[in-house]
Amino acid sequence: MATADSGGFRSVLRLPAFRQLWLSELFALSAQNGIHFVQLVLIERLTGRSVHIGLMIMAFSLPPVLFSPLAGMVVDRVPKKWIILIANVLRGGLALSYVFFLRALSGDALLIMVFLITFLGSSLGAFFNPAVLAKIPLVVGDQRLMVANSLFNVTIAGAQFLGLILLAPAAVKLVGLSGAFSLMSALYLGAFVVALRLPRDAGRRVKGVTAASGFEQMRQEFREGWHYVATHRLVRLAILQLTLVATLIMILAMIAPGFSARVLGLAPEDAVIVFAPAGVGMLLAIIFLGRYGSRIPQTWLQFVMLMLTGAGFGVLAFVSRDYSSLRIPIFDVYPQRLLPLTGMVALTALFIGFGLYSVNTIAQTTVQRFTPAGLRGRVFTVQFMLANLVGLIPLLGAATLADLLGIPILIRWIAIAAIGVAVLTLVYALRTAPEVGRPKEG
């Protein structure tokens, strides 16, 4: 861990190669998160339907699952600097292509192009992310690896704030969709320019390893991880909670622009009143869990946080009740409610972000604690697959429900589901109380 003697984050930021890698990652992740926000706004303006936003999220979620075997083979064989540079410049080009397509296309043709660009950009990210992770130990060495990884985890949260909450909403407001996409393209270009100075690393050929054998190995490891999850109840519960949180976050991202535009009567880009407080809530959860998380029994803490999340969605359903009856944006009918209602939405989103992040952190800790070291990677692979594949089914179902019955009714059912999962979590965890011993390290 970072110590005072090692200088903490400063010890790795003083290394020029790591500083360049870190800045490249910060620019690229900020651009990626910013593009997500602008795409959500674009689809809401284009269609006014949540199901299309759900399809866009699906187009982003599938490539990491589909291409992870191939990406692993490429990262092992091709210099990582090349992968980082190529991925950044191509994603920058894809972001800039929106400027052309926004002028040349409209309607369904533009919508299909959004899905295609999203899929291609996510496919490039499936190669970029493991290349960056594999590059870190090459530029910092083993002694500083823990500090470097910690800084990258902080950077992920920082990039979400910069791209999703700060830069993209401001750009859409000030320079429009085309200007916002151009800004994100410039961030990718900045990531490319910074990465140009990274030291070269030699790609290596692994004898006897092919894409086919890599895929077969991944299947075998997935089966081993799945078997462990299926036979250990606490781990199984934690994996289900992680999948639930990932699904709820995708659903929240899907409905936020429609909630802002269709329910409240604001602009789609004003969905930042949901995203920004939720991000603050996640930050507060980090502080809370760091100070008090170990003092409270995890079973009861998970129960309380799931109940808090369910209550938060319940409040959102309550404040949007007038739309459910009138089917007219609330502020079109009651403009005097603008300040108190947006304040209530922001405060509620903060508690939802706090609850979701807390549940996610506790569940992740449970998996790490009760899984042997030699199986953790495989178990988290199972969780990744569940979150990105199984989670898409309720996502699309929720999108359809939001379009057919309305976003407030969907939110009401989410609240009921979260509270139901909270109760089941408590009952399930109490029944598995004998299973509290940590398994032997493998």
Protein backbone atom coordinates (compact mmCIF):
# COMPACT_ATOMS: atom_id res chain seq x y z
CA MET A 1 0.00 0.00 0.00
CA ALA A 2 0.99 3.62 -0.37
CA THR A 3 2.90 4.93 2.61
CA ALA A 4 4.29 8.22 3.64
CA ASP A 5 7.73 7.04 2.68
CA SER A 6 6.68 6.06 -0.77
CA GLY A 7 5.03 9.42 -1.33
CA GLY A 8 1.63 7.90 -2.16
CA PHE A 9 0.29 8.90 -5.56
CA ARG A 10 3.13 11.38 -6.01
CA SER A 11 5.61 8.51 -6.12
CA VAL A 12 4.10 7.18 -9.34
CA LEU A 13 3.14 10.54 -10.84
CA ARG A 14 6.80 11.53 -10.69
CA LEU A 15 7.49 8.77 -13.24
CA PRO A 16 7.16 10.37 -16.73
CA ALA A 17 5.97 7.17 -18.42
CA PHE A 18 3.28 6.51 -15.82
CA ARG A 19 2.18 10.14 -15.86
CA GLN A 20 1.68 9.92 -19.63
CA LEU A 21 -0.25 6.66 -19.32
CA TRP A 22 -2.40 8.09 -16.53
CA LEU A 23 -3.20 11.30 -18.42
CA SER A 24 -4.03 9.31 -21.55
CA GLU A 25 -6.42 7.15 -19.53
CA LEU A 26 -8.01 10.21 -17.87
CA PHE A 27 -8.63 11.92 -21.22
CA ALA A 28 -9.95 8.74 -22.86
CA LEU A 29 -12.28 7.77 -20.01
CA SER A 30 -13.60 11.34 -19.74
CA ALA A 31 -14.35 11.27 -23.46
CA GLN A 32 -16.04 7.88 -23.21
CA ASN A 33 -18.28 8.97 -20.33
CA GLY A 34 -19.03 12.27 -22.03
CA ILE A 35 -20.05 10.54 -25.25
CA HIS A 36 -22.43 8.31 -23.27
CA PHE A 37 -24.22 11.38 -21.96
CA VAL A 38 -24.43 13.09 -25.36
CA GLN A 39 -25.72 9.86 -26.94
CA LEU A 40 -28.44 9.61 -24.29
CA VAL A 41 -29.51 13.17 -25.04
CA LEU A 42 -29.41 12.58 -28.80
CA ILE A 43 -31.58 9.46 -28.66
CA GLU A 44 -34.07 11.08 -26.29
CA ARG A 45 -34.38 14.05 -28.67
CA LEU A 46 -34.58 11.78 -31.69
CA THR A 47 -37.12 9.23 -30.47
CA GLY A 48 -38.43 10.13 -27.01
CA ARG A 49 -38.44 6.41 -26.21
CA SER A 50 -36.54 4.57 -23.49
CA VAL A 51 -36.30 1.32 -25.46
CA HIS A 52 -33.94 2.94 -27.95
CA ILE A 53 -31.71 4.16 -25.12
CA GLY A 54 -31.75 0.58 -23.80
CA LEU A 55 -30.61 -0.68 -27.21
CA MET A 56 -27.77 1.85 -27.18
CA ILE A 57 -26.65 0.62 -23.74
CA MET A 58 -26.81 -2.94 -25.07
CA ALA A 59 -24.65 -1.96 -28.07
CA PHE A 60 -22.06 -0.67 -25.59
CA SER A 61 -22.25 -3.64 -23.20
CA LEU A 62 -21.92 -6.53 -25.67
CA PRO A 63 -18.46 -5.95 -27.26
CA PRO A 64 -16.40 -6.45 -24.06
CA VAL A 65 -18.09 -9.84 -23.64
CA LEU A 66 -17.77 -10.83 -27.29
CA PHE A 67 -14.19 -9.71 -27.86
CA SER A 68 -12.50 -10.37 -24.50
CA PRO A 69 -10.84 -13.65 -25.68
CA LEU A 70 -9.47 -12.00 -28.83
CA ALA A 71 -8.43 -8.89 -26.92
CA GLY A 72 -6.40 -10.96 -24.48
CA MET A 73 -4.56 -12.65 -27.34
CA VAL A 74 -3.84 -9.35 -29.10
CA VAL A 75 -2.61 -7.59 -25.96
CA ASP A 76 -0.16 -10.44 -25.32
CA ARG A 77 1.22 -10.35 -28.88
CA VAL A 78 1.11 -6.70 -30.00
CA PRO A 79 2.99 -3.81 -28.35
CA LYS A 80 0.57 -2.25 -25.90
CA LYS A 81 1.55 1.27 -26.89
CA TRP A 82 0.30 0.58 -30.43
CA ILE A 83 -3.04 -0.69 -29.13
CA ILE A 84 -3.46 2.38 -26.91
CA LEU A 85 -2.60 4.77 -29.74
CA ILE A 86 -4.75 3.07 -32.38
CA ALA A 87 -7.75 2.73 -30.06
CA ASN A 88 -7.61 6.41 -29.09
CA VAL A 89 -7.25 7.79 -32.59
CA LEU A 90 -10.00 5.54 -33.99
CA ARG A 91 -12.40 6.37 -31.17
CA GLY A 92 -11.65 10.04 -31.70
CA GLY A 93 -12.54 9.60 -35.36
CA LEU A 94 -15.79 7.83 -34.45
CA ALA A 95 -16.74 10.67 -32.09
CA LEU A 96 -16.00 13.26 -34.79
CA SER A 97 -18.06 11.29 -37.33
CA TYR A 98 -21.17 12.26 -35.38
CA VAL A 99 -20.73 15.83 -36.62
CA PHE A 100 -21.10 14.60 -40.21
CA PHE A 101 -23.93 12.14 -39.55
CA LEU A 102 -25.95 14.68 -37.57
CA ARG A 103 -26.04 16.82 -40.71
CA ALA A 104 -26.36 14.06 -43.32
CA LEU A 105 -28.85 11.70 -41.66
CA SER A 106 -32.09 11.84 -39.71
CA GLY A 107 -34.72 9.55 -38.26
CA ASP A 108 -34.10 5.80 -38.29
CA ALA A 109 -30.94 6.10 -40.39
CA LEU A 110 -29.30 8.34 -37.79
CA LEU A 111 -30.50 6.07 -34.98
CA ILE A 112 -28.96 2.99 -36.61
CA MET A 113 -25.70 4.88 -37.10
CA VAL A 114 -25.66 5.78 -33.38
CA PHE A 115 -25.98 2.10 -32.51
CA LEU A 116 -23.23 1.16 -34.97
CA ILE A 117 -20.80 3.82 -33.76
CA THR A 118 -21.50 2.84 -30.15
CA PHE A 119 -20.76 -0.81 -30.91
CA LEU A 120 -17.53 0.03 -32.76
CA GLY A 121 -16.32 2.40 -30.06
CA SER A 122 -17.00 -0.15 -27.32
CA SER A 123 -15.22 -2.83 -29.38
CA LEU A 124 -12.11 -0.65 -29.49
CA GLY A 125 -12.43 -0.11 -25.74
CA ALA A 126 -12.39 -3.90 -25.25
CA PHE A 127 -8.80 -3.82 -26.55
CA PHE A 128 -7.78 -0.49 -25.02
CA ASN A 129 -8.65 -1.28 -21.38
CA PRO A 130 -6.63 -4.52 -21.00
CA ALA A 131 -3.73 -2.90 -22.88
CA VAL A 132 -3.61 -0.07 -20.33
CA LEU A 133 -3.86 -2.49 -17.39
CA ALA A 134 -1.08 -4.63 -18.86
CA LYS A 135 1.07 -1.54 -19.46
CA ILE A 136 0.93 -0.28 -15.86
CA PRO A 137 3.39 -2.80 -14.34
CA LEU A 138 5.78 -2.19 -17.24
CA VAL A 139 6.11 1.50 -16.36
CA VAL A 140 5.96 1.41 -12.54
CA GLY A 141 7.45 -1.96 -11.57
CA ASP A 142 6.22 -4.26 -8.82
CA GLN A 143 7.06 -1.99 -5.87
CA ARG A 144 4.66 0.79 -6.88
CA LEU A 145 2.00 -1.39 -8.52
CA MET A 146 -0.51 -1.16 -5.67
CA VAL A 147 -0.28 2.63 -5.58
CA ALA A 148 -0.60 2.85 -9.37
CA ASN A 149 -3.69 0.64 -9.43
CA SER A 150 -5.26 2.65 -6.61
CA LEU A 151 -4.73 5.86 -8.55
CA PHE A 152 -6.31 4.33 -11.65
CA ASN A 153 -9.37 3.34 -9.61
CA VAL A 154 -9.69 6.93 -8.39
CA THR A 155 -9.23 8.10 -11.98
CA ILE A 156 -12.21 6.04 -13.14
CA ALA A 157 -14.46 7.93 -10.72
CA GLY A 158 -12.85 11.24 -11.63
CA ALA A 159 -13.37 10.61 -15.34
CA GLN A 160 -17.05 9.85 -14.73
CA PHE A 161 -17.40 13.19 -12.98
CA LEU A 162 -15.50 15.12 -15.67
CA GLY A 163 -17.15 13.52 -18.68
CA LEU A 164 -20.64 12.57 -17.54
CA ILE A 165 -21.42 15.32 -15.04
CA LEU A 166 -19.28 18.34 -15.94
CA LEU A 167 -18.01 18.52 -19.52
CA ALA A 168 -20.74 16.82 -21.57
CA PRO A 169 -23.79 18.58 -20.04
CA ALA A 170 -22.04 21.95 -20.24
CA ALA A 171 -20.99 21.33 -23.85
CA VAL A 172 -24.51 20.32 -24.92
CA LYS A 173 -25.91 23.46 -23.31
CA LEU A 174 -23.27 25.83 -24.73
CA VAL A 175 -22.32 24.43 -28.16
CA GLY A 176 -24.97 21.84 -28.97
CA LEU A 177 -24.69 18.17 -29.84
CA SER A 178 -22.16 18.61 -32.67
CA GLY A 179 -19.95 20.78 -30.50
CA ALA A 180 -20.15 18.28 -27.64
CA PHE A 181 -19.12 15.39 -29.90
CA SER A 182 -16.26 17.52 -31.25
CA LEU A 183 -15.07 18.19 -27.70
CA MET A 184 -15.08 14.47 -26.91
CA SER A 185 -13.15 13.81 -30.09
CA ALA A 186 -10.58 16.39 -28.98
CA LEU A 187 -10.22 14.57 -25.64
CA TYR A 188 -9.48 11.34 -27.50
CA LEU A 189 -6.94 13.24 -29.61
CA GLY A 190 -5.37 14.55 -26.41
CA ALA A 191 -5.16 10.97 -25.10
CA PHE A 192 -3.46 9.96 -28.36
CA VAL A 193 -0.93 12.81 -28.24
CA VAL A 194 -0.01 12.14 -24.60
CA ALA A 195 0.41 8.40 -25.29
CA LEU A 196 2.81 9.12 -28.15
CA ARG A 197 5.57 9.61 -25.57
CA LEU A 198 5.00 6.28 -23.86
CA PRO A 199 8.04 3.98 -23.96
CA ARG A 200 7.87 1.13 -26.42
CA ASP A 201 7.19 -2.37 -25.24
CA ALA A 202 7.82 -5.50 -27.26
CA GLY A 203 4.90 -7.67 -28.20
CA ARG A 204 5.46 -11.34 -27.68
CA ARG A 205 4.20 -14.45 -29.41
CA VAL A 206 2.95 -17.16 -27.10
CA LYS A 207 3.71 -20.57 -28.53
CA GLY A 208 0.81 -22.92 -28.89
CA VAL A 209 -1.74 -20.22 -28.06
CA THR A 210 -4.37 -19.23 -30.62
CA ALA A 211 -7.62 -17.33 -30.47
CA ALA A 212 -9.48 -20.65 -30.50
CA SER A 213 -7.45 -22.08 -27.62
CA GLY A 214 -7.81 -18.83 -25.73
CA PHE A 215 -11.58 -18.98 -26.12
CA GLU A 216 -11.63 -22.60 -24.96
CA GLN A 217 -9.53 -21.68 -21.92
CA MET A 218 -11.92 -18.83 -21.13
CA ARG A 219 -14.88 -21.23 -21.35
CA GLN A 220 -13.18 -23.67 -18.99
CA GLU A 221 -12.35 -20.95 -16.47
CA PHE A 222 -15.90 -19.61 -16.71
CA ARG A 223 -17.28 -23.08 -15.92
CA GLU A 224 -14.97 -23.33 -12.90
CA GLY A 225 -16.03 -19.90 -11.67
CA TRP A 226 -19.70 -20.69 -12.22
CA HIS A 227 -19.40 -23.96 -10.30
CA TYR A 228 -17.89 -22.15 -7.32
CA VAL A 229 -20.61 -19.49 -7.39
CA ALA A 230 -23.35 -22.14 -7.68
CA THR A 231 -22.08 -24.12 -4.68
CA HIS A 232 -21.33 -21.27 -2.24
CA ARG A 233 -24.43 -19.45 -1.08
CA LEU A 234 -22.86 -16.25 0.28
CA VAL A 235 -20.84 -15.76 -2.89
CA ARG A 236 -23.91 -16.52 -4.99
CA LEU A 237 -25.91 -13.90 -3.09
CA ALA A 238 -23.13 -11.33 -3.49
CA ILE A 239 -22.88 -12.01 -7.25
CA LEU A 240 -26.64 -11.54 -7.58
CA GLN A 241 -26.38 -8.25 -5.70
CA LEU A 242 -23.57 -7.04 -7.96
CA THR A 243 -25.65 -7.96 -11.00
CA LEU A 244 -28.66 -6.16 -9.52
CA VAL A 245 -26.64 -3.00 -8.90
CA ALA A 246 -25.18 -3.03 -12.43
CA THR A 247 -28.68 -3.50 -13.87
CA LEU A 248 -30.17 -0.69 -11.77
CA ILE A 249 -27.38 1.68 -12.81
CA MET A 250 -28.05 0.87 -16.48
CA ILE A 251 -31.78 1.41 -15.95
CA LEU A 252 -31.14 4.71 -14.15
CA ALA A 253 -28.97 5.90 -17.05
CA MET A 254 -31.65 4.77 -19.49
CA ILE A 255 -34.57 6.61 -17.86
CA ALA A 256 -32.78 9.78 -16.68
CA PRO A 257 -33.08 11.74 -19.98
CA GLY A 258 -36.72 10.68 -20.38
CA PHE A 259 -37.47 11.53 -16.75
CA SER A 260 -36.01 14.99 -17.30
CA ALA A 261 -37.75 15.64 -20.64
CA ARG A 262 -40.99 13.65 -20.61
CA VAL A 263 -41.87 13.65 -16.90
CA LEU A 264 -40.51 16.96 -15.64
CA GLY A 265 -40.62 18.99 -18.85
CA LEU A 266 -36.95 20.01 -18.86
CA ALA A 267 -34.41 19.37 -21.62
CA PRO A 268 -32.90 15.87 -21.94
CA GLU A 269 -29.47 17.24 -21.04
CA ASP A 270 -30.91 18.40 -17.71
CA ALA A 271 -30.72 14.75 -16.69
CA VAL A 272 -27.56 15.94 -14.97
CA ILE A 273 -29.82 16.73 -11.99
CA VAL A 274 -29.96 12.94 -11.55
CA PHE A 275 -26.43 11.99 -12.61
CA ALA A 276 -24.54 14.65 -10.64
CA PRO A 277 -26.14 14.02 -7.21
CA ALA A 278 -25.89 10.25 -7.74
CA GLY A 279 -22.16 10.73 -8.33
CA VAL A 280 -21.88 12.78 -5.14
CA GLY A 281 -23.74 10.02 -3.30
CA MET A 282 -21.22 7.46 -4.52
CA LEU A 283 -18.38 9.67 -3.29
CA LEU A 284 -20.03 9.99 0.12
CA ALA A 285 -20.46 6.20 0.22
CA ILE A 286 -16.70 5.79 -0.29
CA ILE A 287 -16.04 8.04 2.72
CA PHE A 288 -18.74 6.41 4.86
CA LEU A 289 -17.66 2.83 4.16
CA GLY A 290 -14.01 3.71 4.71
CA ARG A 291 -14.75 5.08 8.18
CA TYR A 292 -17.69 3.05 9.44
CA GLY A 293 -18.21 0.09 7.09
CA SER A 294 -16.21 -2.36 9.21
CA ARG A 295 -18.11 -1.42 12.39
CA ILE A 296 -21.55 -2.46 11.16
CA PRO A 297 -22.57 -6.08 10.42
CA GLN A 298 -22.51 -6.43 6.64
CA THR A 299 -25.83 -8.28 6.48
CA TRP A 300 -27.69 -5.44 8.16
CA LEU A 301 -25.72 -2.80 6.25
CA GLN A 302 -26.67 -4.39 2.93
CA PHE A 303 -30.30 -4.59 4.05
CA VAL A 304 -30.37 -0.91 5.04
CA MET A 305 -28.67 0.22 1.82
CA LEU A 306 -31.02 -1.81 -0.38
CA MET A 307 -33.96 -0.37 1.54
CA LEU A 308 -32.49 3.12 1.07
CA THR A 309 -32.18 2.50 -2.68
CA GLY A 310 -35.75 1.22 -2.87
CA ALA A 311 -37.02 4.18 -0.85
CA GLY A 312 -35.14 6.55 -3.17
CA PHE A 313 -36.83 5.14 -6.24
CA GLY A 314 -40.12 5.27 -4.33
CA VAL A 315 -39.66 9.00 -3.72
CA LEU A 316 -38.95 9.55 -7.43
CA ALA A 317 -42.18 7.72 -8.24
CA PHE A 318 -44.03 9.87 -5.71
CA VAL A 319 -42.75 13.22 -7.00
CA SER A 320 -43.71 12.23 -10.56
CA ARG A 321 -47.23 11.10 -9.64
CA ASP A 322 -48.86 14.08 -11.41
CA TYR A 323 -47.37 12.97 -14.71
CA SER A 324 -48.84 9.49 -14.19
CA SER A 325 -52.35 10.95 -14.05
CA LEU A 326 -52.04 13.82 -16.53
CA ARG A 327 -49.46 12.46 -19.01
CA ILE A 328 -48.28 16.06 -19.38
CA PRO A 329 -44.83 17.21 -18.21
CA ILE A 330 -45.17 18.41 -14.64
CA PHE A 331 -43.52 21.81 -15.11
CA ASP A 332 -45.80 22.54 -18.08
CA VAL A 333 -48.73 22.34 -15.67
CA TYR A 334 -47.10 23.51 -12.43
CA PRO A 335 -44.14 25.77 -13.34
CA GLN A 336 -44.04 27.06 -9.76
CA ARG A 337 -42.81 23.64 -8.61
CA LEU A 338 -39.53 23.88 -10.54
CA LEU A 339 -37.17 24.62 -7.63
CA PRO A 340 -38.65 22.41 -4.89
CA LEU A 341 -39.20 19.46 -7.21
CA THR A 342 -35.77 19.54 -8.84
CA GLY A 343 -34.26 19.88 -5.37
CA MET A 344 -36.18 16.81 -4.22
CA VAL A 345 -35.07 14.84 -7.30
CA ALA A 346 -31.43 15.81 -6.75
CA LEU A 347 -31.51 14.86 -3.06
CA THR A 348 -33.21 11.55 -3.86
CA ALA A 349 -30.64 10.75 -6.57
CA LEU A 350 -27.90 11.38 -4.01
CA PHE A 351 -29.36 8.76 -1.67
CA ILE A 352 -29.83 6.31 -4.56
CA GLY A 353 -26.18 6.71 -5.56
CA PHE A 354 -25.12 6.28 -1.94
CA GLY A 355 -27.16 3.10 -1.54
CA LEU A 356 -26.17 1.52 -4.85
CA TYR A 357 -22.46 2.11 -4.38
CA SER A 358 -22.59 0.81 -0.80
CA VAL A 359 -24.33 -2.40 -1.84
CA ASN A 360 -21.86 -2.83 -4.69
CA THR A 361 -18.82 -2.36 -2.42
CA ILE A 362 -20.11 -4.69 0.31
CA ALA A 363 -20.99 -7.40 -2.22
CA GLN A 364 -17.62 -7.09 -3.93
CA THR A 365 -15.88 -7.41 -0.56
CA THR A 366 -17.93 -10.52 0.22
CA VAL A 367 -16.85 -12.16 -3.03
CA GLN A 368 -13.20 -11.35 -2.36
CA ARG A 369 -13.40 -12.56 1.24
CA PHE A 370 -15.13 -15.89 0.62
CA THR A 371 -13.44 -16.86 -2.66
CA PRO A 372 -10.00 -18.53 -2.72
CA ALA A 373 -7.32 -16.33 -4.28
CA GLY A 374 -6.83 -18.71 -7.20
CA LEU A 375 -10.52 -18.48 -8.18
CA ARG A 376 -11.27 -14.79 -7.71
CA GLY A 377 -10.57 -13.82 -11.30
CA ARG A 378 -12.87 -16.57 -12.57
CA VAL A 379 -15.64 -15.69 -10.15
CA PHE A 380 -15.51 -12.01 -11.12
CA THR A 381 -15.60 -13.11 -14.77
CA VAL A 382 -18.90 -14.82 -13.99
CA GLN A 383 -20.15 -11.60 -12.40
CA PHE A 384 -19.00 -9.59 -15.43
CA MET A 385 -20.85 -11.93 -17.80
CA LEU A 386 -24.01 -11.82 -15.71
CA ALA A 387 -23.97 -8.03 -15.46
CA ASN A 388 -23.43 -7.53 -19.18
CA LEU A 389 -25.61 -10.32 -20.55
CA VAL A 390 -28.26 -11.27 -18.00
CA GLY A 391 -28.64 -7.62 -17.02
CA LEU A 392 -29.64 -6.71 -20.57
CA ILE A 393 -32.88 -8.71 -20.31
CA PRO A 394 -34.40 -6.67 -17.45
CA LEU A 395 -32.93 -3.53 -19.04
CA LEU A 396 -34.87 -4.04 -22.28
CA GLY A 397 -37.93 -5.15 -20.33
CA ALA A 398 -37.75 -1.99 -18.23
CA ALA A 399 -37.34 0.13 -21.37
CA THR A 400 -40.45 -1.42 -22.90
CA LEU A 401 -42.40 -0.90 -19.66
CA ALA A 402 -41.29 2.74 -19.49
CA ASP A 403 -42.59 3.37 -23.02
CA LEU A 404 -45.86 1.46 -22.60
CA LEU A 405 -46.89 2.44 -19.06
CA GLY A 406 -44.73 5.47 -18.35
CA ILE A 407 -41.49 6.12 -16.50
CA PRO A 408 -43.15 6.80 -13.10
CA ILE A 409 -44.82 3.38 -13.09
CA LEU A 410 -41.49 1.74 -14.01
CA ILE A 411 -39.78 3.59 -11.15
CA ARG A 412 -42.50 2.41 -8.77
CA TRP A 413 -41.86 -1.22 -9.72
CA ILE A 414 -38.11 -0.72 -9.36
CA ALA A 415 -38.70 0.56 -5.83
CA ILE A 416 -40.84 -2.48 -4.99
CA ALA A 417 -38.24 -4.83 -6.49
CA ALA A 418 -35.35 -3.23 -4.57
CA ILE A 419 -37.24 -3.44 -1.27
CA GLY A 420 -38.16 -7.05 -2.05
CA VAL A 421 -34.51 -7.90 -2.73
CA ALA A 422 -33.57 -6.19 0.56
CA VAL A 423 -35.93 -8.45 2.50
CA LEU A 424 -34.79 -11.55 0.63
CA THR A 425 -31.16 -10.59 1.24
CA LEU A 426 -31.75 -10.35 4.97
CA VAL A 427 -33.62 -13.67 5.15
CA TYR A 428 -31.12 -15.43 2.90
CA ALA A 429 -28.09 -14.09 4.77
CA LEU A 430 -29.50 -15.07 8.18
CA ARG A 431 -30.14 -18.58 6.92
CA THR A 432 -26.54 -18.87 5.69
CA ALA A 433 -25.10 -17.66 9.01
CA PRO A 434 -23.21 -20.95 9.54
CA GLU A 435 -21.36 -20.30 6.30
CA VAL A 436 -19.26 -17.48 7.73
CA GLY A 437 -15.91 -19.18 7.83
CA ARG A 438 -13.52 -18.08 5.14
CA PRO A 439 -12.53 -20.88 2.76
CA LYS A 440 -8.94 -21.90 2.54
CA GLU A 441 -6.84 -19.89 0.16
CA GLY A 442 -6.28 -21.67 -3.14
